[in-house]
């Protein structure tokens, strides 16, 4: 299962009722943070989650509303006696930007490892899950991210027997081990059925609609997408500043055939995003307004 919490859903500036942009995901004892806007630490504390097991922090881009919470978070991780390396992922300039912010957080008991994104799309294999970064269209270099968790097929006794695999190897092959024998190599596909549907969550913000978003969000269980503006008269402003409206996000969700869409990264002028949801539902019915602290646990589908 994949646990997700939208820690903050505001864009540009924090409000009394809305923190800046951040998403936290947890899987198998590991934590992933995407963006770290002002108020991220408060969001984590309110959720009751721990800072220490954060393994990777991904940045969509380096505007202040997406990274301004980082120095304080680094100090908190240091005070928690963390010693394990922390991986950071982001567009070109990542190391320079982070080290500039570390002027106010210079002494940390753990090393930081940097993975700067240079290609239009890049894949990072993590411990049991996969991160896919993909370029979007903002006024600076910006990326969206997809978290994918694969699910192996079921063990197939008949398949194992048909492939003449001895029973003593079955358990090891189920665990993904490759076994070298004098006369053959045994792999999991000799005893396992076809892969089952895994879990997929896509997160993108600060962008115009792009084909890359549709492609990477395709069939996501949850699509978290910016809806900077809900007001119908803000379309021209969305184009000018390279953001999205609720209705453009809803169309992306429809085109990508996702299960559910959460909107986020609201303009400070958008006080009540919920009032514009009904019109967005006309395009994509499974759309709703994200809010600070909104959480979900995505589970593997049960066998029918």
C-alpha atoms as a PDB file:
ATOM      1  CA  UNK A   1       0.000   0.000   0.000  1.00  0.00           C
ATOM      2  CA  UNK A   2       1.029   3.599  -0.636  1.00  0.00           C
ATOM      3  CA  UNK A   3       0.118   6.275   1.912  1.00  0.00           C
ATOM      4  CA  UNK A   4      -0.156   9.860   0.678  1.00  0.00           C
ATOM      5  CA  UNK A   5      -0.684  13.169   2.449  1.00  0.00           C
ATOM      6  CA  UNK A   6      -1.074  16.534   0.756  1.00  0.00           C
ATOM      7  CA  UNK A   7       0.785  18.584   3.352  1.00  0.00           C
ATOM      8  CA  UNK A   8       0.157  21.938   1.677  1.00  0.00           C
ATOM      9  CA  UNK A   9      -1.871  23.001  -1.342  1.00  0.00           C
ATOM     10  CA  UNK A  10      -1.202  26.733  -1.651  1.00  0.00           C
ATOM     11  CA  UNK A  11       0.674  28.536  -4.382  1.00  0.00           C
ATOM     12  CA  UNK A  12       2.712  31.747  -4.231  1.00  0.00           C
ATOM     13  CA  UNK A  13       2.161  32.672  -0.568  1.00  0.00           C
ATOM     14  CA  UNK A  14       0.915  30.901   2.572  1.00  0.00           C
ATOM     15  CA  UNK A  15      -2.444  31.835   4.046  1.00  0.00           C
ATOM     16  CA  UNK A  16      -3.798  31.361   7.588  1.00  0.00           C
ATOM     17  CA  UNK A  17      -5.734  28.315   6.387  1.00  0.00           C
ATOM     18  CA  UNK A  18      -3.388  27.083   3.638  1.00  0.00           C
ATOM     19  CA  UNK A  19       0.283  26.053   3.672  1.00  0.00           C
ATOM     20  CA  UNK A  20       2.527  26.049   0.634  1.00  0.00           C
ATOM     21  CA  UNK A  21       3.039  23.153  -1.712  1.00  0.00           C
ATOM     22  CA  UNK A  22       4.224  19.758  -0.472  1.00  0.00           C
ATOM     23  CA  UNK A  23       3.273  16.095  -0.804  1.00  0.00           C
ATOM     24  CA  UNK A  24       4.519  13.229   1.374  1.00  0.00           C
ATOM     25  CA  UNK A  25       4.283   9.553   0.465  1.00  0.00           C
ATOM     26  CA  UNK A  26       5.106   6.494   2.575  1.00  0.00           C
ATOM     27  CA  UNK A  27       5.766   2.968   1.349  1.00  0.00           C
ATOM     28  CA  UNK A  28       7.236  -0.010   3.183  1.00  0.00           C
ATOM     29  CA  UNK A  29       8.865   2.105   5.894  1.00  0.00           C
ATOM     30  CA  UNK A  30      10.274   4.616   3.411  1.00  0.00           C
ATOM     31  CA  UNK A  31       9.161   8.220   2.923  1.00  0.00           C
ATOM     32  CA  UNK A  32       9.224  10.432  -0.164  1.00  0.00           C
ATOM     33  CA  UNK A  33       8.729  14.190  -0.043  1.00  0.00           C
ATOM     34  CA  UNK A  34       7.838  16.105  -3.212  1.00  0.00           C
ATOM     35  CA  UNK A  35       8.398  19.839  -2.820  1.00  0.00           C
ATOM     36  CA  UNK A  36       8.967  21.524   0.509  1.00  0.00           C
ATOM     37  CA  UNK A  37       7.090  24.784   0.725  1.00  0.00           C
ATOM     38  CA  UNK A  38       6.714  26.924   3.822  1.00  0.00           C
ATOM     39  CA  UNK A  39       4.743  25.012   6.457  1.00  0.00           C
ATOM     40  CA  UNK A  40       5.843  21.533   5.388  1.00  0.00           C
ATOM     41  CA  UNK A  41       7.113  20.665   8.869  1.00  0.00           C
ATOM     42  CA  UNK A  42       3.829  21.775  10.436  1.00  0.00           C
ATOM     43  CA  UNK A  43       1.954  19.562   7.998  1.00  0.00           C
ATOM     44  CA  UNK A  44       4.087  16.535   8.879  1.00  0.00           C
ATOM     45  CA  UNK A  45       3.595  17.135  12.602  1.00  0.00           C
ATOM     46  CA  UNK A  46      -0.162  17.584  12.214  1.00  0.00           C
ATOM     47  CA  UNK A  47      -0.333  14.308  10.303  1.00  0.00           C
ATOM     48  CA  UNK A  48       1.614  12.566  13.054  1.00  0.00           C
ATOM     49  CA  UNK A  49       4.261  11.244  10.694  1.00  0.00           C
ATOM     50  CA  UNK A  50       7.993  11.146  11.383  1.00  0.00           C
ATOM     51  CA  UNK A  51      10.673  13.290   9.782  1.00  0.00           C
ATOM     52  CA  UNK A  52      13.497  10.800  10.179  1.00  0.00           C
ATOM     53  CA  UNK A  53      12.582   8.147   7.570  1.00  0.00           C
ATOM     54  CA  UNK A  54      12.483  10.641   4.676  1.00  0.00           C
ATOM     55  CA  UNK A  55      14.711   8.945   2.089  1.00  0.00           C
ATOM     56  CA  UNK A  56      14.318  11.277  -0.856  1.00  0.00           C
ATOM     57  CA  UNK A  57      13.162  14.851  -1.429  1.00  0.00           C
ATOM     58  CA  UNK A  58      12.092  15.695  -4.981  1.00  0.00           C
ATOM     59  CA  UNK A  59      11.645  19.216  -6.290  1.00  0.00           C
ATOM     60  CA  UNK A  60       9.470  20.176  -9.217  1.00  0.00           C
ATOM     61  CA  UNK A  61      11.378  23.485  -9.590  1.00  0.00           C
ATOM     62  CA  UNK A  62      13.026  26.152  -7.445  1.00  0.00           C
ATOM     63  CA  UNK A  63      10.436  28.866  -6.999  1.00  0.00           C
ATOM     64  CA  UNK A  64      10.265  29.823  -3.334  1.00  0.00           C
ATOM     65  CA  UNK A  65       6.791  28.412  -2.698  1.00  0.00           C
ATOM     66  CA  UNK A  66       8.171  24.935  -3.504  1.00  0.00           C
ATOM     67  CA  UNK A  67      11.470  24.969  -1.593  1.00  0.00           C
ATOM     68  CA  UNK A  68      11.337  27.638   1.121  1.00  0.00           C
ATOM     69  CA  UNK A  69      10.669  25.084   3.862  1.00  0.00           C
ATOM     70  CA  UNK A  70      13.836  23.102   3.177  1.00  0.00           C
ATOM     71  CA  UNK A  71      16.429  24.740   5.491  1.00  0.00           C
ATOM     72  CA  UNK A  72      14.256  24.278   8.562  1.00  0.00           C
ATOM     73  CA  UNK A  73      13.451  20.698   7.629  1.00  0.00           C
ATOM     74  CA  UNK A  74      17.149  19.896   7.226  1.00  0.00           C
ATOM     75  CA  UNK A  75      17.859  21.287  10.694  1.00  0.00           C
ATOM     76  CA  UNK A  76      15.034  19.196  12.151  1.00  0.00           C
ATOM     77  CA  UNK A  77      16.423  16.055  10.490  1.00  0.00           C
ATOM     78  CA  UNK A  78      19.823  16.877  11.952  1.00  0.00           C
ATOM     79  CA  UNK A  79      18.381  17.394  15.417  1.00  0.00           C
ATOM     80  CA  UNK A  80      16.685  13.992  15.096  1.00  0.00           C
ATOM     81  CA  UNK A  81      20.197  12.466  14.983  1.00  0.00           C
ATOM     82  CA  UNK A  82      19.855  11.337  11.415  1.00  0.00           C
ATOM     83  CA  UNK A  83      23.117  10.008   9.964  1.00  0.00           C
ATOM     84  CA  UNK A  84      21.887   8.201   6.818  1.00  0.00           C
ATOM     85  CA  UNK A  85      22.415   9.951   3.466  1.00  0.00           C
ATOM     86  CA  UNK A  86      19.524  11.997   2.108  1.00  0.00           C
ATOM     87  CA  UNK A  87      18.864  11.893  -1.628  1.00  0.00           C
ATOM     88  CA  UNK A  88      17.602  15.032  -3.356  1.00  0.00           C
ATOM     89  CA  UNK A  89      16.211  15.016  -6.892  1.00  0.00           C
ATOM     90  CA  UNK A  90      15.441  18.051  -9.018  1.00  0.00           C
ATOM     91  CA  UNK A  91      16.134  20.013 -12.195  1.00  0.00           C
ATOM     92  CA  UNK A  92      19.542  21.311 -13.198  1.00  0.00           C
ATOM     93  CA  UNK A  93      20.984  23.631 -10.541  1.00  0.00           C
ATOM     94  CA  UNK A  94      19.804  21.486  -7.623  1.00  0.00           C
ATOM     95  CA  UNK A  95      23.128  21.329  -5.787  1.00  0.00           C
ATOM     96  CA  UNK A  96      23.783  25.054  -6.224  1.00  0.00           C
ATOM     97  CA  UNK A  97      20.313  26.028  -4.961  1.00  0.00           C
ATOM     98  CA  UNK A  98      20.354  23.674  -1.967  1.00  0.00           C
ATOM     99  CA  UNK A  99      23.848  24.685  -0.914  1.00  0.00           C
ATOM    100  CA  UNK A 100      22.841  28.357  -1.103  1.00  0.00           C
ATOM    101  CA  UNK A 101      19.916  27.657   1.231  1.00  0.00           C
ATOM    102  CA  UNK A 102      22.238  25.744   3.548  1.00  0.00           C
ATOM    103  CA  UNK A 103      24.009  28.951   4.497  1.00  0.00           C
ATOM    104  CA  UNK A 104      21.465  28.993   7.337  1.00  0.00           C
ATOM    105  CA  UNK A 105      21.728  25.220   7.911  1.00  0.00           C
ATOM    106  CA  UNK A 106      25.460  24.563   7.437  1.00  0.00           C
ATOM    107  CA  UNK A 107      26.242  21.795   9.913  1.00  0.00           C
ATOM    108  CA  UNK A 108      24.348  18.558   9.346  1.00  0.00           C
ATOM    109  CA  UNK A 109      25.254  15.090  10.704  1.00  0.00           C
ATOM    110  CA  UNK A 110      24.243  13.406   7.430  1.00  0.00           C
ATOM    111  CA  UNK A 111      25.449  13.719   3.819  1.00  0.00           C
ATOM    112  CA  UNK A 112      23.229  14.955   0.993  1.00  0.00           C
ATOM    113  CA  UNK A 113      23.349  13.177  -2.354  1.00  0.00           C
ATOM    114  CA  UNK A 114      22.180  15.038  -5.450  1.00  0.00           C
ATOM    115  CA  UNK A 115      20.504  13.676  -8.567  1.00  0.00           C
ATOM    116  CA  UNK A 116      20.087  16.493 -11.104  1.00  0.00           C
ATOM    117  CA  UNK A 117      17.555  15.847 -13.846  1.00  0.00           C
ATOM    118  CA  UNK A 118      18.748  16.675 -17.347  1.00  0.00           C
ATOM    119  CA  UNK A 119      16.595  14.638 -19.714  1.00  0.00           C
ATOM    120  CA  UNK A 120      12.945  15.109 -20.659  1.00  0.00           C
ATOM    121  CA  UNK A 121      12.139  12.014 -18.633  1.00  0.00           C
ATOM    122  CA  UNK A 122      14.216   9.995 -16.184  1.00  0.00           C
ATOM    123  CA  UNK A 123      13.542   6.911 -14.078  1.00  0.00           C
ATOM    124  CA  UNK A 124      14.977   6.307 -10.616  1.00  0.00           C
ATOM    125  CA  UNK A 125      14.661   2.834  -9.112  1.00  0.00           C
ATOM    126  CA  UNK A 126      14.234   3.035  -5.361  1.00  0.00           C
ATOM    127  CA  UNK A 127      13.779   0.406  -2.643  1.00  0.00           C
ATOM    128  CA  UNK A 128      10.646  -1.367  -3.838  1.00  0.00           C
ATOM    129  CA  UNK A 129       9.192   1.465  -5.896  1.00  0.00           C
ATOM    130  CA  UNK A 130       9.996   3.566  -8.940  1.00  0.00           C
ATOM    131  CA  UNK A 131      10.148   7.326  -9.414  1.00  0.00           C
ATOM    132  CA  UNK A 132       9.599   8.711 -12.899  1.00  0.00           C
ATOM    133  CA  UNK A 133      10.408  12.387 -13.458  1.00  0.00           C
ATOM    134  CA  UNK A 134       9.069  14.116 -16.558  1.00  0.00           C
ATOM    135  CA  UNK A 135       9.489  17.620 -17.949  1.00  0.00           C
ATOM    136  CA  UNK A 136       6.464  19.921 -17.988  1.00  0.00           C
ATOM    137  CA  UNK A 137       5.906  23.473 -19.262  1.00  0.00           C
ATOM    138  CA  UNK A 138       6.446  26.320 -16.794  1.00  0.00           C
ATOM    139  CA  UNK A 139       8.416  29.574 -17.074  1.00  0.00           C
ATOM    140  CA  UNK A 140      11.433  27.804 -15.549  1.00  0.00           C
ATOM    141  CA  UNK A 141      12.539  24.180 -15.943  1.00  0.00           C
ATOM    142  CA  UNK A 142       9.974  22.108 -14.072  1.00  0.00           C
ATOM    143  CA  UNK A 143       9.239  18.401 -13.609  1.00  0.00           C
ATOM    144  CA  UNK A 144       6.314  16.270 -12.572  1.00  0.00           C
ATOM    145  CA  UNK A 145       6.732  12.953 -10.751  1.00  0.00           C
ATOM    146  CA  UNK A 146       5.080   9.550 -10.846  1.00  0.00           C
ATOM    147  CA  UNK A 147       5.433   6.979  -8.056  1.00  0.00           C
ATOM    148  CA  UNK A 148       4.935   3.404  -9.250  1.00  0.00           C
ATOM    149  CA  UNK A 149       4.812   0.199  -7.235  1.00  0.00           C
ATOM    150  CA  UNK A 150       4.846  -3.035  -9.216  1.00  0.00           C
ATOM    151  CA  UNK A 151       2.998  -6.166  -8.182  1.00  0.00           C
ATOM    152  CA  UNK A 152       4.226  -9.589  -9.180  1.00  0.00           C
ATOM    153  CA  UNK A 153       1.918 -12.270 -10.480  1.00  0.00           C
ATOM    154  CA  UNK A 154       0.674 -15.143  -8.361  1.00  0.00           C
ATOM    155  CA  UNK A 155       2.705 -18.269  -7.895  1.00  0.00           C
ATOM    156  CA  UNK A 156       1.571 -20.819 -10.493  1.00  0.00           C
ATOM    157  CA  UNK A 157       2.129 -24.442  -9.459  1.00  0.00           C
ATOM    158  CA  UNK A 158       1.204 -25.792 -12.870  1.00  0.00           C
ATOM    159  CA  UNK A 159       3.576 -23.393 -14.570  1.00  0.00           C
ATOM    160  CA  UNK A 160       6.405 -24.436 -12.261  1.00  0.00           C
ATOM    161  CA  UNK A 161       5.777 -28.117 -12.973  1.00  0.00           C
ATOM    162  CA  UNK A 162       5.464 -27.544 -16.709  1.00  0.00           C
ATOM    163  CA  UNK A 163       8.851 -25.793 -16.651  1.00  0.00           C
ATOM    164  CA  UNK A 164      10.324 -28.669 -14.610  1.00  0.00           C
ATOM    165  CA  UNK A 165      11.366 -26.447 -11.708  1.00  0.00           C
ATOM    166  CA  UNK A 166      12.087 -28.453  -8.574  1.00  0.00           C
ATOM    167  CA  UNK A 167      10.031 -27.577  -5.515  1.00  0.00           C
ATOM    168  CA  UNK A 168      13.097 -26.687  -3.468  1.00  0.00           C
ATOM    169  CA  UNK A 169      13.608 -23.604  -5.667  1.00  0.00           C
ATOM    170  CA  UNK A 170      10.030 -22.324  -5.653  1.00  0.00           C
ATOM    171  CA  UNK A 171      10.260 -20.077  -2.588  1.00  0.00           C
ATOM    172  CA  UNK A 172      13.478 -18.398  -3.738  1.00  0.00           C
ATOM    173  CA  UNK A 173      12.072 -17.748  -7.202  1.00  0.00           C
ATOM    174  CA  UNK A 174       8.895 -16.248  -5.731  1.00  0.00           C
ATOM    175  CA  UNK A 175      11.095 -13.730  -3.917  1.00  0.00           C
ATOM    176  CA  UNK A 176      12.646 -12.615  -7.198  1.00  0.00           C
ATOM    177  CA  UNK A 177      15.913 -14.497  -6.911  1.00  0.00           C
ATOM    178  CA  UNK A 178      17.715 -15.768 -10.008  1.00  0.00           C
ATOM    179  CA  UNK A 179      19.263 -19.208  -9.535  1.00  0.00           C
ATOM    180  CA  UNK A 180      22.218 -20.375 -11.590  1.00  0.00           C
ATOM    181  CA  UNK A 181      22.370 -24.168 -12.050  1.00  0.00           C
ATOM    182  CA  UNK A 182      25.027 -26.108 -13.962  1.00  0.00           C
ATOM    183  CA  UNK A 183      22.666 -26.752 -16.877  1.00  0.00           C
ATOM    184  CA  UNK A 184      20.203 -23.821 -16.756  1.00  0.00           C
ATOM    185  CA  UNK A 185      19.260 -20.489 -15.198  1.00  0.00           C
ATOM    186  CA  UNK A 186      16.058 -20.312 -13.158  1.00  0.00           C
ATOM    187  CA  UNK A 187      14.090 -17.057 -13.093  1.00  0.00           C
ATOM    188  CA  UNK A 188      10.799 -16.015 -11.566  1.00  0.00           C
ATOM    189  CA  UNK A 189       8.859 -16.109 -14.828  1.00  0.00           C
ATOM    190  CA  UNK A 190       9.183 -19.903 -14.781  1.00  0.00           C
ATOM    191  CA  UNK A 191       6.952 -20.158 -11.703  1.00  0.00           C
ATOM    192  CA  UNK A 192       4.943 -16.917 -11.592  1.00  0.00           C
ATOM    193  CA  UNK A 193       1.817 -15.895 -13.458  1.00  0.00           C
ATOM    194  CA  UNK A 194       1.526 -12.581 -15.317  1.00  0.00           C
ATOM    195  CA  UNK A 195       2.201  -9.385 -13.356  1.00  0.00           C
ATOM    196  CA  UNK A 196      -0.833  -7.880 -11.631  1.00  0.00           C
ATOM    197  CA  UNK A 197      -1.863  -4.250 -11.547  1.00  0.00           C
ATOM    198  CA  UNK A 198       0.348  -2.214  -9.233  1.00  0.00           C
ATOM    199  CA  UNK A 199      -0.144   1.236  -7.687  1.00  0.00           C
ATOM    200  CA  UNK A 200       0.485   4.523  -9.461  1.00  0.00           C
ATOM    201  CA  UNK A 201       0.293   8.135  -8.298  1.00  0.00           C
ATOM    202  CA  UNK A 202       1.195  11.138 -10.462  1.00  0.00           C
ATOM    203  CA  UNK A 203       1.932  14.630  -9.145  1.00  0.00           C
ATOM    204  CA  UNK A 204       2.389  17.718 -11.277  1.00  0.00           C
ATOM    205  CA  UNK A 205       2.186  21.431 -10.647  1.00  0.00           C
ATOM    206  CA  UNK A 206       3.209  24.805 -12.104  1.00  0.00           C
ATOM    207  CA  UNK A 207       2.661  23.951 -15.745  1.00  0.00           C
ATOM    208  CA  UNK A 208       0.498  24.334 -18.779  1.00  0.00           C
ATOM    209  CA  UNK A 209      -1.201  21.160 -20.031  1.00  0.00           C
ATOM    210  CA  UNK A 210       1.325  19.002 -21.913  1.00  0.00           C
ATOM    211  CA  UNK A 211       1.368  15.658 -23.691  1.00  0.00           C
ATOM    212  CA  UNK A 212       4.040  14.508 -21.213  1.00  0.00           C
ATOM    213  CA  UNK A 213       1.562  14.833 -18.350  1.00  0.00           C
ATOM    214  CA  UNK A 214      -1.079  12.796 -20.151  1.00  0.00           C
ATOM    215  CA  UNK A 215       1.449  10.079 -21.022  1.00  0.00           C
ATOM    216  CA  UNK A 216       2.950   9.774 -17.530  1.00  0.00           C
ATOM    217  CA  UNK A 217      -0.355  10.060 -15.663  1.00  0.00           C
ATOM    218  CA  UNK A 218      -2.044   7.424 -17.835  1.00  0.00           C
ATOM    219  CA  UNK A 219      -4.171   5.067 -15.716  1.00  0.00           C
ATOM    220  CA  UNK A 220      -2.931   6.530 -12.417  1.00  0.00           C
ATOM    221  CA  UNK A 221      -4.869   5.539  -9.320  1.00  0.00           C
ATOM    222  CA  UNK A 222      -4.503   9.135  -8.123  1.00  0.00           C
ATOM    223  CA  UNK A 223      -3.568  12.207 -10.152  1.00  0.00           C
ATOM    224  CA  UNK A 224      -2.651  15.282  -8.086  1.00  0.00           C
ATOM    225  CA  UNK A 225      -2.543  18.273 -10.395  1.00  0.00           C
ATOM    226  CA  UNK A 226      -2.346  22.004 -10.015  1.00  0.00           C
ATOM    227  CA  UNK A 227      -5.543  23.987 -10.340  1.00  0.00           C
ATOM    228  CA  UNK A 228      -4.193  27.481  -9.893  1.00  0.00           C
ATOM    229  CA  UNK A 229      -7.422  29.128 -11.012  1.00  0.00           C
ATOM    230  CA  UNK A 230     -11.054  28.103 -10.780  1.00  0.00           C
ATOM    231  CA  UNK A 231     -12.600  31.376 -11.882  1.00  0.00           C
ATOM    232  CA  UNK A 232     -13.701  31.219 -15.533  1.00  0.00           C
ATOM    233  CA  UNK A 233     -12.196  34.659 -16.276  1.00  0.00           C
ATOM    234  CA  UNK A 234      -8.653  33.542 -15.299  1.00  0.00           C
ATOM    235  CA  UNK A 235      -7.882  31.521 -18.448  1.00  0.00           C
ATOM    236  CA  UNK A 236      -5.737  34.258 -20.003  1.00  0.00           C
ATOM    237  CA  UNK A 237      -3.823  34.675 -16.741  1.00  0.00           C
ATOM    238  CA  UNK A 238      -3.181  30.915 -16.610  1.00  0.00           C
ATOM    239  CA  UNK A 239      -1.709  31.031 -20.102  1.00  0.00           C
ATOM    240  CA  UNK A 240       0.406  34.105 -19.359  1.00  0.00           C
ATOM    241  CA  UNK A 241       1.988  32.717 -16.196  1.00  0.00           C
ATOM    242  CA  UNK A 242       2.065  29.086 -17.396  1.00  0.00           C
ATOM    243  CA  UNK A 243      -0.319  27.629 -14.878  1.00  0.00           C
ATOM    244  CA  UNK A 244      -3.548  25.666 -15.200  1.00  0.00           C
ATOM    245  CA  UNK A 245      -7.234  26.107 -14.543  1.00  0.00           C
ATOM    246  CA  UNK A 246      -9.452  23.522 -12.874  1.00  0.00           C
ATOM    247  CA  UNK A 247     -10.942  22.720 -16.248  1.00  0.00           C
ATOM    248  CA  UNK A 248      -7.645  22.099 -17.988  1.00  0.00           C
ATOM    249  CA  UNK A 249      -6.589  19.778 -15.159  1.00  0.00           C
ATOM    250  CA  UNK A 250      -9.918  17.951 -15.431  1.00  0.00           C
ATOM    251  CA  UNK A 251      -9.404  17.474 -19.173  1.00  0.00           C
ATOM    252  CA  UNK A 252      -5.917  16.049 -18.546  1.00  0.00           C
ATOM    253  CA  UNK A 253      -7.395  13.607 -16.031  1.00  0.00           C
ATOM    254  CA  UNK A 254     -10.029  12.557 -18.541  1.00  0.00           C
ATOM    255  CA  UNK A 255      -7.479  12.097 -21.330  1.00  0.00           C
ATOM    256  CA  UNK A 256      -5.155  10.102 -19.034  1.00  0.00           C
ATOM    257  CA  UNK A 257      -8.021   7.882 -17.839  1.00  0.00           C
ATOM    258  CA  UNK A 258      -7.054   8.250 -14.184  1.00  0.00           C
ATOM    259  CA  UNK A 259      -9.220   6.973 -11.360  1.00  0.00           C
ATOM    260  CA  UNK A 260      -9.274  10.151  -9.283  1.00  0.00           C
ATOM    261  CA  UNK A 261      -8.065  13.760  -9.516  1.00  0.00           C
ATOM    262  CA  UNK A 262      -7.127  16.033  -6.609  1.00  0.00           C
ATOM    263  CA  UNK A 263      -6.572  19.684  -7.398  1.00  0.00           C
ATOM    264  CA  UNK A 264      -3.855  21.637  -5.587  1.00  0.00           C
ATOM    265  CA  UNK A 265      -1.562  24.698  -5.750  1.00  0.00           C
ATOM    266  CA  UNK A 266      -4.340  27.276  -5.548  1.00  0.00           C
ATOM    267  CA  UNK A 267      -3.870  30.974  -6.179  1.00  0.00           C
ATOM    268  CA  UNK A 268      -4.133  33.067  -2.985  1.00  0.00           C
ATOM    269  CA  UNK A 269      -7.124  34.782  -4.608  1.00  0.00           C
ATOM    270  CA  UNK A 270      -8.967  31.448  -4.785  1.00  0.00           C
ATOM    271  CA  UNK A 271     -10.506  31.447  -1.319  1.00  0.00           C
ATOM    272  CA  UNK A 272     -13.135  28.724  -1.809  1.00  0.00           C
ATOM    273  CA  UNK A 273     -11.952  26.259  -4.471  1.00  0.00           C
ATOM    274  CA  UNK A 274     -14.892  23.962  -3.742  1.00  0.00           C
ATOM    275  CA  UNK A 275     -17.342  26.340  -5.394  1.00  0.00           C
ATOM    276  CA  UNK A 276     -15.776  25.712  -8.810  1.00  0.00           C
ATOM    277  CA  UNK A 277     -15.659  21.917  -8.528  1.00  0.00           C
ATOM    278  CA  UNK A 278     -19.149  21.261  -9.993  1.00  0.00           C
ATOM    279  CA  UNK A 279     -18.155  22.794 -13.329  1.00  0.00           C
ATOM    280  CA  UNK A 280     -14.914  20.758 -13.362  1.00  0.00           C
ATOM    281  CA  UNK A 281     -16.989  17.619 -12.681  1.00  0.00           C
ATOM    282  CA  UNK A 282     -18.773  18.181 -15.971  1.00  0.00           C
ATOM    283  CA  UNK A 283     -15.436  17.350 -17.624  1.00  0.00           C
ATOM    284  CA  UNK A 284     -14.139  14.712 -15.194  1.00  0.00           C
ATOM    285  CA  UNK A 285     -16.582  13.492 -12.512  1.00  0.00           C
ATOM    286  CA  UNK A 286     -13.936  12.075 -10.142  1.00  0.00           C
ATOM    287  CA  UNK A 287     -12.364  15.469  -9.408  1.00  0.00           C
ATOM    288  CA  UNK A 288     -12.234  17.053  -5.964  1.00  0.00           C
ATOM    289  CA  UNK A 289     -10.495  19.932  -4.232  1.00  0.00           C
ATOM    290  CA  UNK A 290      -7.375  19.013  -2.308  1.00  0.00           C
ATOM    291  CA  UNK A 291      -6.775  20.630   1.059  1.00  0.00           C
ATOM    292  CA  UNK A 292      -3.992  20.709   3.611  1.00  0.00           C
ATOM    293  CA  UNK A 293      -3.697  17.358   5.368  1.00  0.00           C
ATOM    294  CA  UNK A 294      -5.867  15.437   2.927  1.00  0.00           C
ATOM    295  CA  UNK A 295      -4.722  11.814   2.981  1.00  0.00           C
ATOM    296  CA  UNK A 296      -5.404   8.519   1.274  1.00  0.00           C
ATOM    297  CA  UNK A 297      -4.048   4.989   1.321  1.00  0.00           C
ATOM    298  CA  UNK A 298      -3.837   3.400  -2.124  1.00  0.00           C
ATOM    299  CA  UNK A 299      -4.190  -0.371  -1.974  1.00  0.00           C
ATOM    300  CA  UNK A 300      -3.529  -3.121  -4.489  1.00  0.00           C
ATOM    301  CA  UNK A 301      -6.697  -4.168  -6.245  1.00  0.00           C
ATOM    302  CA  UNK A 302      -8.229  -7.363  -4.898  1.00  0.00           C
ATOM    303  CA  UNK A 303      -8.464 -10.277  -7.263  1.00  0.00           C
ATOM    304  CA  UNK A 304     -11.891 -10.521  -8.890  1.00  0.00           C
END
